[in-house]
Amino acid sequence: MSHEPYPSEQPYQPSYQQPSYQQLYQPSYQAMEGEKAAQLSLILGLVGFFVAGFVLGPLAIWQASKAERLGVQATAGKVLGWIVTILNVLAVLGVILFFGLIIAGFGATAGYNS
C-alpha cells in the first residue's frame, strides 16, 4: 500500500459532453440549397434596383420560387424581384412614350415650315 493520501491516477470516469449546435442541427442538402436560393433572390432583388433590373428582377423571382420549392421562405426576394421588374417595365414604357411624343411633336411642326 502506498503512503500517498491521494492516488496519483484517478479511475476512469466517463465525462458528459453537451452536443454542439452543429451536432444538433445539421440541415439537409435540400435545406442548404433553399437557403442559398433565398439569399441569392434577396441579393438579386436589391442589386436590381441599381443595375440591370430588367434582368435581375425576373432572376430574383425565379430564385425565390426555387427556394420555396425546396421548403425555404423567400418572400423578401420575391417581392423585391416583382417591384424591380414592374418599375423597369414602367421605365421602358415611359421612355417609349417620351420618344413617341417627341416624334409626334416633330411631325406636327413639320407642316409649319414655309
Protein backbone atom coordinates (compact mmCIF):
# COMPACT_ATOMS: atom_id res chain seq x y z
CA MET A 1 0.00 0.00 0.00
CA SER A 2 1.19 3.43 -0.76
CA HIS A 3 1.56 6.20 1.77
CA GLU A 4 0.16 8.91 -0.50
CA PRO A 5 -3.05 10.45 0.80
CA TYR A 6 -4.48 10.72 -2.73
CA PRO A 7 -3.71 8.28 -5.54
CA SER A 8 -1.89 9.85 -8.49
CA GLU A 9 -4.07 8.10 -11.02
CA GLN A 10 -7.77 8.67 -10.94
CA PRO A 11 -10.11 5.94 -12.06
CA TYR A 12 -11.77 6.41 -15.47
CA GLN A 13 -14.95 8.39 -15.28
CA PRO A 14 -16.87 9.00 -18.47
CA SER A 15 -17.48 12.68 -18.94
CA TYR A 16 -20.70 14.05 -20.34
CA GLN A 17 -20.27 16.48 -23.22
CA GLN A 18 -23.12 18.58 -24.39
CA PRO A 19 -23.73 18.18 -28.11
CA SER A 20 -22.78 21.24 -30.09
CA TYR A 21 -25.26 23.23 -32.14
CA GLN A 22 -23.84 21.73 -35.30
CA GLN A 23 -24.41 18.22 -34.00
CA LEU A 24 -28.00 19.02 -33.06
CA TYR A 25 -28.91 20.86 -36.23
CA GLN A 26 -27.41 19.55 -39.41
CA PRO A 27 -29.50 20.88 -42.27
CA SER A 28 -30.12 18.68 -45.24
CA TYR A 29 -28.68 19.36 -48.65
CA GLN A 30 -32.13 20.46 -49.82
CA ALA A 31 -32.45 22.97 -46.96
CA MET A 32 -28.98 24.39 -47.66
CA GLU A 33 -29.78 24.80 -51.36
CA GLY A 34 -33.05 26.51 -50.43
CA GLU A 35 -31.22 28.92 -48.13
CA LYS A 36 -28.73 29.74 -50.90
CA ALA A 37 -31.54 30.39 -53.37
CA ALA A 38 -33.39 32.58 -50.86
CA GLN A 39 -30.27 34.65 -50.16
CA LEU A 40 -29.49 34.94 -53.86
CA SER A 41 -33.03 36.13 -54.62
CA LEU A 42 -32.71 38.83 -51.97
CA ILE A 43 -29.33 39.95 -53.33
CA LEU A 44 -30.58 39.98 -56.94
CA GLY A 45 -33.64 41.98 -55.91
CA LEU A 46 -31.56 44.57 -54.07
CA VAL A 47 -28.92 44.94 -56.76
CA GLY A 48 -31.68 45.10 -59.40
CA PHE A 49 -32.74 48.48 -58.01
CA PHE A 50 -29.43 49.94 -59.13
CA VAL A 51 -28.12 47.84 -62.03
CA ALA A 52 -29.80 45.83 -64.80
CA GLY A 53 -33.13 45.48 -63.03
CA PHE A 54 -34.81 44.30 -66.21
CA VAL A 55 -32.73 41.12 -65.99
CA LEU A 56 -32.15 40.81 -62.24
CA GLY A 57 -35.82 41.24 -61.25
CA PRO A 58 -37.03 38.10 -63.03
CA LEU A 59 -33.94 36.22 -61.82
CA ALA A 60 -34.81 37.19 -58.23
CA ILE A 61 -38.36 35.90 -58.72
CA TRP A 62 -37.03 32.64 -60.20
CA GLN A 63 -34.58 32.08 -57.32
CA ALA A 64 -37.30 32.84 -54.75
CA SER A 65 -39.59 30.30 -56.38
CA LYS A 66 -36.77 27.74 -56.34
CA ALA A 67 -36.21 28.39 -52.61
CA GLU A 68 -39.91 27.94 -51.89
CA ARG A 69 -39.96 24.65 -53.82
CA LEU A 70 -37.14 23.50 -51.53
CA GLY A 71 -39.14 24.46 -48.43
CA VAL A 72 -37.47 27.76 -47.55
CA GLN A 73 -39.42 31.01 -47.40
CA ALA A 74 -38.11 33.71 -49.73
CA THR A 75 -40.84 36.33 -49.56
CA ALA A 76 -38.48 39.32 -49.44
CA GLY A 77 -36.59 38.24 -52.56
CA LYS A 78 -39.81 37.54 -54.46
CA VAL A 79 -41.36 40.89 -53.51
CA LEU A 80 -38.19 42.80 -54.42
CA GLY A 81 -37.99 40.92 -57.71
CA TRP A 82 -41.56 41.87 -58.62
CA ILE A 83 -41.04 45.51 -57.60
CA VAL A 84 -37.84 45.78 -59.66
CA THR A 85 -39.48 44.10 -62.66
CA ILE A 86 -42.57 46.33 -62.55
CA LEU A 87 -40.51 49.50 -62.12
CA ASN A 88 -38.30 48.60 -65.07
CA VAL A 89 -41.27 47.78 -67.30
CA LEU A 90 -42.80 51.15 -66.38
CA ALA A 91 -39.47 52.86 -67.11
CA VAL A 92 -39.26 51.25 -70.56
CA LEU A 93 -42.85 52.24 -71.31
CA GLY A 94 -42.08 55.79 -70.15
CA VAL A 95 -39.07 56.02 -72.47
CA ILE A 96 -41.12 54.72 -75.40
CA LEU A 97 -43.90 57.21 -74.63
CA PHE A 98 -41.39 60.05 -74.30
CA PHE A 99 -39.76 59.36 -77.66
CA GLY A 100 -43.16 58.78 -79.25
CA LEU A 101 -44.28 62.23 -78.10
CA ILE A 102 -41.06 63.81 -79.39
CA ILE A 103 -41.51 62.18 -82.81
CA ALA A 104 -45.16 63.23 -82.89
CA GLY A 105 -44.12 66.79 -81.96
CA PHE A 106 -41.61 66.95 -84.83
CA GLY A 107 -44.24 65.61 -87.20
CA ALA A 108 -46.72 68.26 -86.12
CA THR A 109 -44.26 71.12 -86.51
CA ALA A 110 -43.01 69.93 -89.93
CA GLY A 111 -46.17 71.26 -91.60
CA TYR A 112 -45.45 74.82 -90.38
CA ASN A 113 -42.21 75.25 -92.36
CA SER A 114 -42.73 77.59 -95.29
